[in-house]
Amino acid sequence: MSAINEYIDSEVKNNGVVLFMKGTPDFPQCGFSGQVIQILNYLGVDYKGVNVLTDDDLRQGIKDYSDWPTVPQLYVKGEFVGGCDIIREMFQAGELQSMMTEKGIVQQGTAQA
């Protein structure tokens, strides 16, 4: 396993919710990353953002790791959930909130009201 794969694996397994994205949670550098951040923030989920733009190996490595061609990529409890379209569809259907609850991820957002 390459060093970049070990790093990705560690981030995925050691964080409840991790978003591999372009930019940072405070300053997303693509609209798709920004949409996923808005959803996570709305739900009040504590997550870690990993900026793939800081390292070309990381940018390619995350695509190889998940076998998914695009960024952002959301992982919950070590499991790849999807990219922007999938996250948005799951959120709109209420499935993302249910999944977070089932996996024990605390949500402080209005979704629980």
PDB file of N, CA and C in Angstrom:
ATOM      1  N   MET A   1       0.858  -1.185   0.000  1.00  0.00           N
ATOM      2  CA  MET A   1       0.000   0.000   0.000  1.00  0.00           C
ATOM      3  C   MET A   1       0.899   1.242   0.000  1.00  0.00           C
ATOM      4  N   SER A   2       0.570   2.180  -0.850  1.00  0.00           N
ATOM      5  CA  SER A   2       1.382   3.396  -0.934  1.00  0.00           C
ATOM      6  C   SER A   2       1.144   4.285   0.284  1.00  0.00           C
ATOM      7  N   ALA A   3       2.036   5.230   0.473  1.00  0.00           N
ATOM      8  CA  ALA A   3       1.918   6.158   1.596  1.00  0.00           C
ATOM      9  C   ALA A   3       0.620   6.949   1.508  1.00  0.00           C
ATOM     10  N   ILE A   4       0.237   7.352   0.301  1.00  0.00           N
ATOM     11  CA  ILE A   4      -0.982   8.154   0.154  1.00  0.00           C
ATOM     12  C   ILE A   4      -2.207   7.301   0.485  1.00  0.00           C
ATOM     13  N   ASN A   5      -2.173   6.027   0.094  1.00  0.00           N
ATOM     14  CA  ASN A   5      -3.287   5.128   0.425  1.00  0.00           C
ATOM     15  C   ASN A   5      -3.389   4.911   1.928  1.00  0.00           C
ATOM     16  N   GLU A   6      -2.232   4.792   2.588  1.00  0.00           N
ATOM     17  CA  GLU A   6      -2.220   4.628   4.038  1.00  0.00           C
ATOM     18  C   GLU A   6      -2.802   5.862   4.721  1.00  0.00           C
ATOM     19  N   TYR A   7      -2.443   7.040   4.206  1.00  0.00           N
ATOM     20  CA  TYR A   7      -2.967   8.293   4.763  1.00  0.00           C
ATOM     21  C   TYR A   7      -4.484   8.346   4.615  1.00  0.00           C
ATOM     22  N   ILE A   8      -4.980   8.064   3.408  1.00  0.00           N
ATOM     23  CA  ILE A   8      -6.423   8.090   3.140  1.00  0.00           C
ATOM     24  C   ILE A   8      -7.137   7.082   4.036  1.00  0.00           C
ATOM     25  N   ASP A   9      -6.598   5.880   4.093  1.00  0.00           N
ATOM     26  CA  ASP A   9      -7.186   4.814   4.902  1.00  0.00           C
ATOM     27  C   ASP A   9      -7.280   5.242   6.369  1.00  0.00           C
ATOM     28  N   SER A  10      -6.227   5.866   6.857  1.00  0.00           N
ATOM     29  CA  SER A  10      -6.196   6.340   8.237  1.00  0.00           C
ATOM     30  C   SER A  10      -7.264   7.407   8.476  1.00  0.00           C
ATOM     31  N   GLU A  11      -7.380   8.371   7.564  1.00  0.00           N
ATOM     32  CA  GLU A  11      -8.379   9.440   7.703  1.00  0.00           C
ATOM     33  C   GLU A  11      -9.795   8.852   7.704  1.00  0.00           C
ATOM     34  N   VAL A  12     -10.043   7.927   6.795  1.00  0.00           N
ATOM     35  CA  VAL A  12     -11.370   7.312   6.654  1.00  0.00           C
ATOM     36  C   VAL A  12     -11.732   6.517   7.911  1.00  0.00           C
ATOM     37  N   LYS A  13     -10.758   5.797   8.452  1.00  0.00           N
ATOM     38  CA  LYS A  13     -11.040   4.906   9.587  1.00  0.00           C
ATOM     39  C   LYS A  13     -11.006   5.610  10.938  1.00  0.00           C
ATOM     40  N   ASN A  14     -10.306   6.744  11.029  1.00  0.00           N
ATOM     41  CA  ASN A  14     -10.145   7.417  12.318  1.00  0.00           C
ATOM     42  C   ASN A  14     -11.057   8.619  12.519  1.00  0.00           C
ATOM     43  N   ASN A  15     -11.889   8.925  11.546  1.00  0.00           N
ATOM     44  CA  ASN A  15     -12.837  10.033  11.662  1.00  0.00           C
ATOM     45  C   ASN A  15     -14.245   9.500  11.399  1.00  0.00           C
ATOM     46  N   GLY A  16     -15.198   9.897  12.238  1.00  0.00           N
ATOM     47  CA  GLY A  16     -16.576   9.442  12.051  1.00  0.00           C
ATOM     48  C   GLY A  16     -17.113   9.845  10.693  1.00  0.00           C
ATOM     49  N   VAL A  17     -16.904  11.118  10.343  1.00  0.00           N
ATOM     50  CA  VAL A  17     -17.346  11.637   9.049  1.00  0.00           C
ATOM     51  C   VAL A  17     -16.185  12.410   8.456  1.00  0.00           C
ATOM     52  N   VAL A  18     -15.790  12.039   7.247  1.00  0.00           N
ATOM     53  CA  VAL A  18     -14.700  12.753   6.577  1.00  0.00           C
ATOM     54  C   VAL A  18     -15.101  13.047   5.138  1.00  0.00           C
ATOM     55  N   LEU A  19     -14.818  14.282   4.724  1.00  0.00           N
ATOM     56  CA  LEU A  19     -15.142  14.731   3.372  1.00  0.00           C
ATOM     57  C   LEU A  19     -13.845  15.084   2.654  1.00  0.00           C
ATOM     58  N   PHE A  20     -13.535  14.314   1.616  1.00  0.00           N
ATOM     59  CA  PHE A  20     -12.410  14.658   0.738  1.00  0.00           C
ATOM     60  C   PHE A  20     -12.974  15.628  -0.277  1.00  0.00           C
ATOM     61  N   MET A  21     -12.394  16.831  -0.322  1.00  0.00           N
ATOM     62  CA  MET A  21     -13.010  17.922  -1.069  1.00  0.00           C
ATOM     63  C   MET A  21     -11.965  18.831  -1.700  1.00  0.00           C
ATOM     64  N   LYS A  22     -12.448  19.711  -2.563  1.00  0.00           N
ATOM     65  CA  LYS A  22     -11.588  20.751  -3.136  1.00  0.00           C
ATOM     66  C   LYS A  22     -11.773  21.993  -2.278  1.00  0.00           C
ATOM     67  N   GLY A  23     -10.690  22.377  -1.598  1.00  0.00           N
ATOM     68  CA  GLY A  23     -10.753  23.499  -0.677  1.00  0.00           C
ATOM     69  C   GLY A  23     -10.942  23.009   0.743  1.00  0.00           C
ATOM     70  N   THR A  24     -11.409  23.925   1.604  1.00  0.00           N
ATOM     71  CA  THR A  24     -11.619  23.614   3.022  1.00  0.00           C
ATOM     72  C   THR A  24     -13.081  23.867   3.380  1.00  0.00           C
ATOM     73  N   PRO A  25     -13.539  23.350   4.521  1.00  0.00           N
ATOM     74  CA  PRO A  25     -14.924  23.614   4.922  1.00  0.00           C
ATOM     75  C   PRO A  25     -15.248  25.105   5.001  1.00  0.00           C
ATOM     76  N   ASP A  26     -14.273  25.932   5.399  1.00  0.00           N
ATOM     77  CA  ASP A  26     -14.497  27.376   5.473  1.00  0.00           C
ATOM     78  C   ASP A  26     -14.365  28.065   4.120  1.00  0.00           C
ATOM     79  N   PHE A  27     -13.648  27.432   3.202  1.00  0.00           N
ATOM     80  CA  PHE A  27     -13.423  28.048   1.889  1.00  0.00           C
ATOM     81  C   PHE A  27     -13.415  26.974   0.810  1.00  0.00           C
ATOM     82  N   PRO A  28     -14.592  26.418   0.491  1.00  0.00           N
ATOM     83  CA  PRO A  28     -14.649  25.410  -0.571  1.00  0.00           C
ATOM     84  C   PRO A  28     -14.258  26.032  -1.905  1.00  0.00           C
ATOM     85  N   GLN A  29     -13.524  25.248  -2.716  1.00  0.00           N
ATOM     86  CA  GLN A  29     -13.054  25.774  -3.992  1.00  0.00           C
ATOM     87  C   GLN A  29     -13.742  25.123  -5.186  1.00  0.00           C
ATOM     88  N   CYS A  30     -14.881  24.493  -4.938  1.00  0.00           N
ATOM     89  CA  CYS A  30     -15.735  24.066  -6.047  1.00  0.00           C
ATOM     90  C   CYS A  30     -17.161  23.995  -5.530  1.00  0.00           C
ATOM     91  N   GLY A  31     -18.101  24.210  -6.423  1.00  0.00           N
ATOM     92  CA  GLY A  31     -19.510  24.259  -6.050  1.00  0.00           C
ATOM     93  C   GLY A  31     -20.016  22.963  -5.455  1.00  0.00           C
ATOM     94  N   PHE A  32     -19.520  21.835  -5.975  1.00  0.00           N
ATOM     95  CA  PHE A  32     -20.000  20.538  -5.492  1.00  0.00           C
ATOM     96  C   PHE A  32     -19.555  20.307  -4.047  1.00  0.00           C
ATOM     97  N   SER A  33     -18.291  20.640  -3.758  1.00  0.00           N
ATOM     98  CA  SER A  33     -17.796  20.535  -2.380  1.00  0.00           C
ATOM     99  C   SER A  33     -18.618  21.450  -1.479  1.00  0.00           C
ATOM    100  N   GLY A  34     -18.898  22.649  -1.962  1.00  0.00           N
ATOM    101  CA  GLY A  34     -19.686  23.618  -1.192  1.00  0.00           C
ATOM    102  C   GLY A  34     -21.075  23.111  -0.863  1.00  0.00           C
ATOM    103  N   GLN A  35     -21.712  22.419  -1.819  1.00  0.00           N
ATOM    104  CA  GLN A  35     -23.057  21.882  -1.581  1.00  0.00           C
ATOM    105  C   GLN A  35     -23.043  20.823  -0.488  1.00  0.00           C
ATOM    106  N   VAL A  36     -22.056  19.936  -0.520  1.00  0.00           N
ATOM    107  CA  VAL A  36     -21.980  18.876   0.498  1.00  0.00           C
ATOM    108  C   VAL A  36     -21.724  19.499   1.875  1.00  0.00           C
ATOM    109  N   ILE A  37     -20.869  20.519   1.940  1.00  0.00           N
ATOM    110  CA  ILE A  37     -20.607  21.218   3.193  1.00  0.00           C
ATOM    111  C   ILE A  37     -21.883  21.856   3.734  1.00  0.00           C
ATOM    112  N   GLN A  38     -22.665  22.483   2.854  1.00  0.00           N
ATOM    113  CA  GLN A  38     -23.922  23.102   3.291  1.00  0.00           C
ATOM    114  C   GLN A  38     -24.851  22.064   3.913  1.00  0.00           C
ATOM    115  N   ILE A  39     -24.931  20.901   3.306  1.00  0.00           N
ATOM    116  CA  ILE A  39     -25.795  19.826   3.818  1.00  0.00           C
ATOM    117  C   ILE A  39     -25.287  19.358   5.182  1.00  0.00           C
ATOM    118  N   LEU A  40     -23.973  19.089   5.295  1.00  0.00           N
ATOM    119  CA  LEU A  40     -23.404  18.628   6.564  1.00  0.00           C
ATOM    120  C   LEU A  40     -23.584  19.681   7.652  1.00  0.00           C
ATOM    121  N   ASN A  41     -23.385  20.950   7.301  1.00  0.00           N
ATOM    122  CA  ASN A  41     -23.557  22.025   8.272  1.00  0.00           C
ATOM    123  C   ASN A  41     -25.022  22.152   8.686  1.00  0.00           C
ATOM    124  N   TYR A  42     -25.919  21.999   7.745  1.00  0.00           N
ATOM    125  CA  TYR A  42     -27.357  22.064   8.029  1.00  0.00           C
ATOM    126  C   TYR A  42     -27.757  20.968   9.016  1.00  0.00           C
ATOM    127  N   LEU A  43     -27.179  19.787   8.825  1.00  0.00           N
ATOM    128  CA  LEU A  43     -27.468  18.665   9.716  1.00  0.00           C
ATOM    129  C   LEU A  43     -26.763  18.817  11.065  1.00  0.00           C
ATOM    130  N   GLY A  44     -25.767  19.703  11.124  1.00  0.00           N
ATOM    131  CA  GLY A  44     -25.030  19.891  12.363  1.00  0.00           C
ATOM    132  C   GLY A  44     -24.096  18.734  12.659  1.00  0.00           C
ATOM    133  N   VAL A  45     -23.571  18.134  11.604  1.00  0.00           N
ATOM    134  CA  VAL A  45     -22.687  16.976  11.742  1.00  0.00           C
ATOM    135  C   VAL A  45     -21.249  17.455  11.924  1.00  0.00           C
ATOM    136  N   ASP A  46     -20.549  16.855  12.869  1.00  0.00           N
ATOM    137  CA  ASP A  46     -19.131  17.142  13.071  1.00  0.00           C
ATOM    138  C   ASP A  46     -18.350  16.306  12.056  1.00  0.00           C
ATOM    139  N   TYR A  47     -17.585  16.950  11.219  1.00  0.00           N
ATOM    140  CA  TYR A  47     -16.851  16.220  10.176  1.00  0.00           C
ATOM    141  C   TYR A  47     -15.481  16.835   9.964  1.00  0.00           C
ATOM    142  N   LYS A  48     -14.620  16.068   9.309  1.00  0.00           N
ATOM    143  CA  LYS A  48     -13.291  16.563   8.956  1.00  0.00           C
ATOM    144  C   LYS A  48     -13.243  16.756   7.446  1.00  0.00           C
ATOM    145  N   GLY A  49     -12.786  17.917   7.017  1.00  0.00           N
ATOM    146  CA  GLY A  49     -12.581  18.184   5.596  1.00  0.00           C
ATOM    147  C   GLY A  49     -11.123  17.968   5.242  1.00  0.00           C
ATOM    148  N   VAL A  50     -10.865  17.253   4.144  1.00  0.00           N
ATOM    149  CA  VAL A  50      -9.500  17.036   3.665  1.00  0.00           C
ATOM    150  C   VAL A  50      -9.401  17.660   2.272  1.00  0.00           C
ATOM    151  N   ASN A  51      -8.520  18.642   2.134  1.00  0.00           N
ATOM    152  CA  ASN A  51      -8.363  19.377   0.878  1.00  0.00           C
ATOM    153  C   ASN A  51      -7.469  18.599  -0.092  1.00  0.00           C
ATOM    154  N   VAL A  52      -8.061  18.092  -1.169  1.00  0.00           N
ATOM    155  CA  VAL A  52      -7.283  17.309  -2.145  1.00  0.00           C
ATOM    156  C   VAL A  52      -6.436  18.201  -3.057  1.00  0.00           C
ATOM    157  N   LEU A  53      -6.679  19.507  -3.029  1.00  0.00           N
ATOM    158  CA  LEU A  53      -5.928  20.410  -3.907  1.00  0.00           C
ATOM    159  C   LEU A  53      -4.506  20.661  -3.404  1.00  0.00           C
ATOM    160  N   THR A  54      -4.220  20.258  -2.176  1.00  0.00           N
ATOM    161  CA  THR A  54      -2.886  20.502  -1.607  1.00  0.00           C
ATOM    162  C   THR A  54      -1.859  19.505  -2.121  1.00  0.00           C
ATOM    163  N   ASP A  55      -2.309  18.414  -2.749  1.00  0.00           N
ATOM    164  CA  ASP A  55      -1.392  17.332  -3.103  1.00  0.00           C
ATOM    165  C   ASP A  55      -1.964  16.542  -4.288  1.00  0.00           C
ATOM    166  N   ASP A  56      -1.235  16.541  -5.414  1.00  0.00           N
ATOM    167  CA  ASP A  56      -1.712  15.812  -6.604  1.00  0.00           C
ATOM    168  C   ASP A  56      -1.855  14.318  -6.341  1.00  0.00           C
ATOM    169  N   ASP A  57      -0.952  13.766  -5.522  1.00  0.00           N
ATOM    170  CA  ASP A  57      -1.040  12.338  -5.200  1.00  0.00           C
ATOM    171  C   ASP A  57      -2.326  12.046  -4.429  1.00  0.00           C
ATOM    172  N   LEU A  58      -2.670  12.941  -3.521  1.00  0.00           N
ATOM    173  CA  LEU A  58      -3.904  12.775  -2.750  1.00  0.00           C
ATOM    174  C   LEU A  58      -5.121  12.908  -3.661  1.00  0.00           C
ATOM    175  N   ARG A  59      -5.062  13.880  -4.568  1.00  0.00           N
ATOM    176  CA  ARG A  59      -6.183  14.125  -5.478  1.00  0.00           C
ATOM    177  C   ARG A  59      -6.474  12.887  -6.319  1.00  0.00           C
ATOM    178  N   GLN A  60      -5.428  12.245  -6.826  1.00  0.00           N
ATOM    179  CA  GLN A  60      -5.605  11.016  -7.607  1.00  0.00           C
ATOM    180  C   GLN A  60      -5.840   9.824  -6.684  1.00  0.00           C
ATOM    181  N   GLY A  61      -5.143   9.821  -5.546  1.00  0.00           N
ATOM    182  CA  GLY A  61      -5.214   8.696  -4.625  1.00  0.00           C
ATOM    183  C   GLY A  61      -6.613   8.428  -4.111  1.00  0.00           C
ATOM    184  N   ILE A  62      -7.377   9.498  -3.822  1.00  0.00           N
ATOM    185  CA  ILE A  62      -8.732   9.303  -3.289  1.00  0.00           C
ATOM    186  C   ILE A  62      -9.642   8.695  -4.358  1.00  0.00           C
ATOM    187  N   LYS A  63      -9.397   9.038  -5.607  1.00  0.00           N
ATOM    188  CA  LYS A  63     -10.198   8.465  -6.711  1.00  0.00           C
ATOM    189  C   LYS A  63      -9.900   6.977  -6.865  1.00  0.00           C
ATOM    190  N   ASP A  64      -8.629   6.626  -6.708  1.00  0.00           N
ATOM    191  CA  ASP A  64      -8.235   5.217  -6.788  1.00  0.00           C
ATOM    192  C   ASP A  64      -8.759   4.442  -5.579  1.00  0.00           C
ATOM    193  N   TYR A  65      -8.687   5.076  -4.416  1.00  0.00           N
ATOM    194  CA  TYR A  65      -9.093   4.435  -3.160  1.00  0.00           C
ATOM    195  C   TYR A  65     -10.562   4.012  -3.202  1.00  0.00           C
ATOM    196  N   SER A  66     -11.411   4.906  -3.704  1.00  0.00           N
ATOM    197  CA  SER A  66     -12.855   4.651  -3.710  1.00  0.00           C
ATOM    198  C   SER A  66     -13.338   4.051  -5.025  1.00  0.00           C
ATOM    199  N   ASP A  67     -12.466   4.096  -6.046  1.00  0.00           N
ATOM    200  CA  ASP A  67     -12.880   3.730  -7.403  1.00  0.00           C
ATOM    201  C   ASP A  67     -14.048   4.609  -7.845  1.00  0.00           C
ATOM    202  N   TRP A  68     -13.964   5.892  -7.481  1.00  0.00           N
ATOM    203  CA  TRP A  68     -14.984   6.888  -7.807  1.00  0.00           C
ATOM    204  C   TRP A  68     -14.265   8.046  -8.485  1.00  0.00           C
ATOM    205  N   PRO A  69     -14.719   8.504  -9.652  1.00  0.00           N
ATOM    206  CA  PRO A  69     -13.920   9.421 -10.472  1.00  0.00           C
ATOM    207  C   PRO A  69     -13.897  10.886 -10.048  1.00  0.00           C
ATOM    208  N   THR A  70     -14.745  11.280  -9.116  1.00  0.00           N
ATOM    209  CA  THR A  70     -14.846  12.710  -8.817  1.00  0.00           C
ATOM    210  C   THR A  70     -14.697  13.005  -7.325  1.00  0.00           C
ATOM    211  N   VAL A  71     -14.446  14.271  -7.040  1.00  0.00           N
ATOM    212  CA  VAL A  71     -14.377  14.819  -5.687  1.00  0.00           C
ATOM    213  C   VAL A  71     -15.467  15.885  -5.642  1.00  0.00           C
ATOM    214  N   PRO A  72     -16.220  16.055  -4.565  1.00  0.00           N
ATOM    215  CA  PRO A  72     -16.003  15.535  -3.216  1.00  0.00           C
ATOM    216  C   PRO A  72     -16.426  14.072  -3.039  1.00  0.00           C
ATOM    217  N   GLN A  73     -15.895  13.480  -1.979  1.00  0.00           N
ATOM    218  CA  GLN A  73     -16.271  12.125  -1.573  1.00  0.00           C
ATOM    219  C   GLN A  73     -16.506  12.133  -0.076  1.00  0.00           C
ATOM    220  N   LEU A  74     -17.663  11.602   0.316  1.00  0.00           N
ATOM    221  CA  LEU A  74     -18.026  11.573   1.733  1.00  0.00           C
ATOM    222  C   LEU A  74     -17.930  10.150   2.275  1.00  0.00           C
ATOM    223  N   TYR A  75     -17.262  10.030   3.421  1.00  0.00           N
ATOM    224  CA  TYR A  75     -17.142   8.748   4.121  1.00  0.00           C
ATOM    225  C   TYR A  75     -17.764   8.896   5.501  1.00  0.00           C
ATOM    226  N   VAL A  76     -18.557   7.904   5.895  1.00  0.00           N
ATOM    227  CA  VAL A  76     -19.159   7.881   7.218  1.00  0.00           C
ATOM    228  C   VAL A  76     -18.810   6.549   7.868  1.00  0.00           C
ATOM    229  N   LYS A  77     -18.141   6.624   9.034  1.00  0.00           N
ATOM    230  CA  LYS A  77     -17.738   5.422   9.773  1.00  0.00           C
ATOM    231  C   LYS A  77     -16.981   4.433   8.876  1.00  0.00           C
ATOM    232  N   GLY A  78     -16.055   4.955   8.085  1.00  0.00           N
ATOM    233  CA  GLY A  78     -15.210   4.113   7.249  1.00  0.00           C
ATOM    234  C   GLY A  78     -15.834   3.650   5.954  1.00  0.00           C
ATOM    235  N   GLU A  79     -17.051   4.083   5.674  1.00  0.00           N
ATOM    236  CA  GLU A  79     -17.768   3.610   4.486  1.00  0.00           C
ATOM    237  C   GLU A  79     -17.958   4.753   3.490  1.00  0.00           C
ATOM    238  N   PHE A  80     -17.651   4.492   2.223  1.00  0.00           N
ATOM    239  CA  PHE A  80     -17.849   5.497   1.176  1.00  0.00           C
ATOM    240  C   PHE A  80     -19.347   5.663   0.920  1.00  0.00           C
ATOM    241  N   VAL A  81     -19.839   6.878   1.056  1.00  0.00           N
ATOM    242  CA  VAL A  81     -21.262   7.147   0.852  1.00  0.00           C
ATOM    243  C   VAL A  81     -21.519   7.618  -0.575  1.00  0.00           C
ATOM    244  N   GLY A  82     -20.717   8.579  -1.058  1.00  0.00           N
ATOM    245  CA  GLY A  82     -20.913   9.044  -2.427  1.00  0.00           C
ATOM    246  C   GLY A  82     -20.378  10.435  -2.631  1.00  0.00           C
ATOM    247  N   GLY A  83     -20.677  10.951  -3.818  1.00  0.00           N
ATOM    248  CA  GLY A  83     -20.289  12.300  -4.185  1.00  0.00           C
ATOM    249  C   GLY A  83     -21.457  13.255  -4.010  1.00  0.00           C
ATOM    250  N   CYS A  84     -21.338  14.421  -4.595  1.00  0.00           N
ATOM    251  CA  CYS A  84     -22.308  15.496  -4.390  1.00  0.00           C
ATOM    252  C   CYS A  84     -23.733  15.087  -4.768  1.00  0.00           C
ATOM    253  N   ASP A  85     -23.933  14.537  -5.957  1.00  0.00           N
ATOM    254  CA  ASP A  85     -25.289  14.205  -6.414  1.00  0.00           C
ATOM    255  C   ASP A  85     -25.953  13.189  -5.496  1.00  0.00           C
ATOM    256  N   ILE A  86     -25.200  12.154  -5.124  1.00  0.00           N
ATOM    257  CA  ILE A  86     -25.744  11.105  -4.259  1.00  0.00           C
ATOM    258  C   ILE A  86     -26.080  11.686  -2.881  1.00  0.00           C
ATOM    259  N   ILE A  87     -25.177  12.492  -2.323  1.00  0.00           N
ATOM    260  CA  ILE A  87     -25.403  13.091  -1.001  1.00  0.00           C
ATOM    261  C   ILE A  87     -26.645  13.982  -1.044  1.00  0.00           C
ATOM    262  N   ARG A  88     -26.767  14.795  -2.102  1.00  0.00           N
ATOM    263  CA  ARG A  88     -27.919  15.707  -2.223  1.00  0.00           C
ATOM    264  C   ARG A  88     -29.224  14.919  -2.330  1.00  0.00           C
ATOM    265  N   GLU A  89     -29.221  13.869  -3.145  1.00  0.00           N
ATOM    266  CA  GLU A  89     -30.431  13.048  -3.303  1.00  0.00           C
ATOM    267  C   GLU A  89     -30.791  12.348  -1.999  1.00  0.00           C
ATOM    268  N   MET A  90     -29.789  11.809  -1.305  1.00  0.00           N
ATOM    269  CA  MET A  90     -30.038  11.138  -0.017  1.00  0.00           C
ATOM    270  C   MET A  90     -30.593  12.128   1.003  1.00  0.00           C
ATOM    271  N   PHE A  91     -30.032  13.346   1.025  1.00  0.00           N
ATOM    272  CA  PHE A  91     -30.481  14.380   1.952  1.00  0.00           C
ATOM    273  C   PHE A  91     -31.933  14.753   1.680  1.00  0.00           C
ATOM    274  N   GLN A  92     -32.250  14.983   0.402  1.00  0.00           N
ATOM    275  CA  GLN A  92     -33.608  15.400   0.043  1.00  0.00           C
ATOM    276  C   GLN A  92     -34.639  14.320   0.355  1.00  0.00           C
ATOM    277  N   ALA A  93     -34.203  13.056   0.291  1.00  0.00           N
ATOM    278  CA  ALA A  93     -35.108  11.937   0.571  1.00  0.00           C
ATOM    279  C   ALA A  93     -35.146  11.589   2.060  1.00  0.00           C
ATOM    280  N   GLY A  94     -34.296  12.257   2.864  1.00  0.00           N
ATOM    281  CA  GLY A  94     -34.235  11.958   4.292  1.00  0.00           C
ATOM    282  C   GLY A  94     -33.357  10.754   4.616  1.00  0.00           C
ATOM    283  N   GLU A  95     -32.745  10.167   3.583  1.00  0.00           N
ATOM    284  CA  GLU A  95     -31.938   8.957   3.786  1.00  0.00           C
ATOM    285  C   GLU A  95     -30.603   9.271   4.461  1.00  0.00           C
ATOM    286  N   LEU A  96     -30.029  10.427   4.159  1.00  0.00           N
ATOM    287  CA  LEU A  96     -28.741  10.791   4.750  1.00  0.00           C
ATOM    288  C   LEU A  96     -28.890  10.963   6.266  1.00  0.00           C
ATOM    289  N   GLN A  97     -29.959  11.643   6.679  1.00  0.00           N
ATOM    290  CA  GLN A  97     -30.218  11.846   8.094  1.00  0.00           C
ATOM    291  C   GLN A  97     -30.394  10.495   8.795  1.00  0.00           C
ATOM    292  N   SER A  98     -31.162   9.587   8.187  1.00  0.00           N
ATOM    293  CA  SER A  98     -31.388   8.256   8.767  1.00  0.00           C
ATOM    294  C   SER A  98     -30.082   7.484   8.898  1.00  0.00           C
ATOM    295  N   MET A  99     -29.261   7.542   7.847  1.00  0.00           N
ATOM    296  CA  MET A  99     -27.994   6.825   7.863  1.00  0.00           C
ATOM    297  C   MET A  99     -27.096   7.355   8.979  1.00  0.00           C
ATOM    298  N   MET A 100     -27.035   8.686   9.123  1.00  0.00           N
ATOM    299  CA  MET A 100     -26.207   9.286  10.172  1.00  0.00           C
ATOM    300  C   MET A 100     -26.687   8.806  11.545  1.00  0.00           C
ATOM    301  N   THR A 101     -27.996   8.792  11.745  1.00  0.00           N
ATOM    302  CA  THR A 101     -28.568   8.350  13.021  1.00  0.00           C
ATOM    303  C   THR A 101     -28.225   6.891  13.282  1.00  0.00           C
ATOM    304  N   GLU A 102     -28.404   6.044  12.259  1.00  0.00           N
ATOM    305  CA  GLU A 102     -28.124   4.611  12.403  1.00  0.00           C
ATOM    306  C   GLU A 102     -26.656   4.357  12.750  1.00  0.00           C
ATOM    307  N   LYS A 103     -25.769   5.178  12.212  1.00  0.00           N
ATOM    308  CA  LYS A 103     -24.334   4.985  12.447  1.00  0.00           C
ATOM    309  C   LYS A 103     -23.856   5.720  13.696  1.00  0.00           C
ATOM    310  N   GLY A 104     -24.776   6.350  14.411  1.00  0.00           N
ATOM    311  CA  GLY A 104     -24.419   6.989  15.669  1.00  0.00           C
ATOM    312  C   GLY A 104     -23.747   8.340  15.518  1.00  0.00           C
ATOM    313  N   ILE A 105     -23.936   8.984  14.376  1.00  0.00           N
ATOM    314  CA  ILE A 105     -23.347  10.316  14.156  1.00  0.00           C
ATOM    315  C   ILE A 105     -24.326  11.349  14.703  1.00  0.00           C
ATOM    316  N   VAL A 106     -23.848  12.199  15.605  1.00  0.00           N
ATOM    317  CA  VAL A 106     -24.696  13.196  16.242  1.00  0.00           C
ATOM    318  C   VAL A 106     -24.998  14.317  15.246  1.00  0.00           C
ATOM    319  N   GLN A 107     -26.288  14.674  15.174  1.00  0.00           N
ATOM    320  CA  GLN A 107     -26.714  15.758  14.314  1.00  0.00           C
ATOM    321  C   GLN A 107     -27.374  16.821  15.194  1.00  0.00           C
ATOM    322  N   GLN A 108     -26.894  18.063  15.078  1.00  0.00           N
ATOM    323  CA  GLN A 108     -27.503  19.136  15.858  1.00  0.00           C
ATOM    324  C   GLN A 108     -28.387  20.035  15.012  1.00  0.00           C
ATOM    325  N   GLY A 109     -28.504  19.716  13.741  1.00  0.00           N
ATOM    326  CA  GLY A 109     -29.234  20.599  12.825  1.00  0.00           C
ATOM    327  C   GLY A 109     -30.736  20.516  12.978  1.00  0.00           C
ATOM    328  N   THR A 110     -31.414  21.288  12.132  1.00  0.00           N
ATOM    329  CA  THR A 110     -32.878  21.349  12.177  1.00  0.00           C
ATOM    330  C   THR A 110     -33.510  20.049  11.680  1.00  0.00           C
ATOM    331  N   ALA A 111     -32.713  19.177  11.119  1.00  0.00           N
ATOM    332  CA  ALA A 111     -33.246  17.925  10.583  1.00  0.00           C
ATOM    333  C   ALA A 111     -33.828  17.042  11.682  1.00  0.00           C
ATOM    334  N   GLN A 112     -33.395  17.247  12.925  1.00  0.00           N
ATOM    335  CA  GLN A 112     -33.901  16.415  14.021  1.00  0.00           C
ATOM    336  C   GLN A 112     -35.135  17.002  14.670  1.00  0.00           C
ATOM    337  N   ALA A 113     -35.442  18.247  14.347  1.00  0.00           N
ATOM    338  CA  ALA A 113     -36.548  18.945  15.013  1.00  0.00           C
ATOM    339  C   ALA A 113     -37.880  18.286  14.728  1.00  0.00           C
TER     340      ALA A 113
END
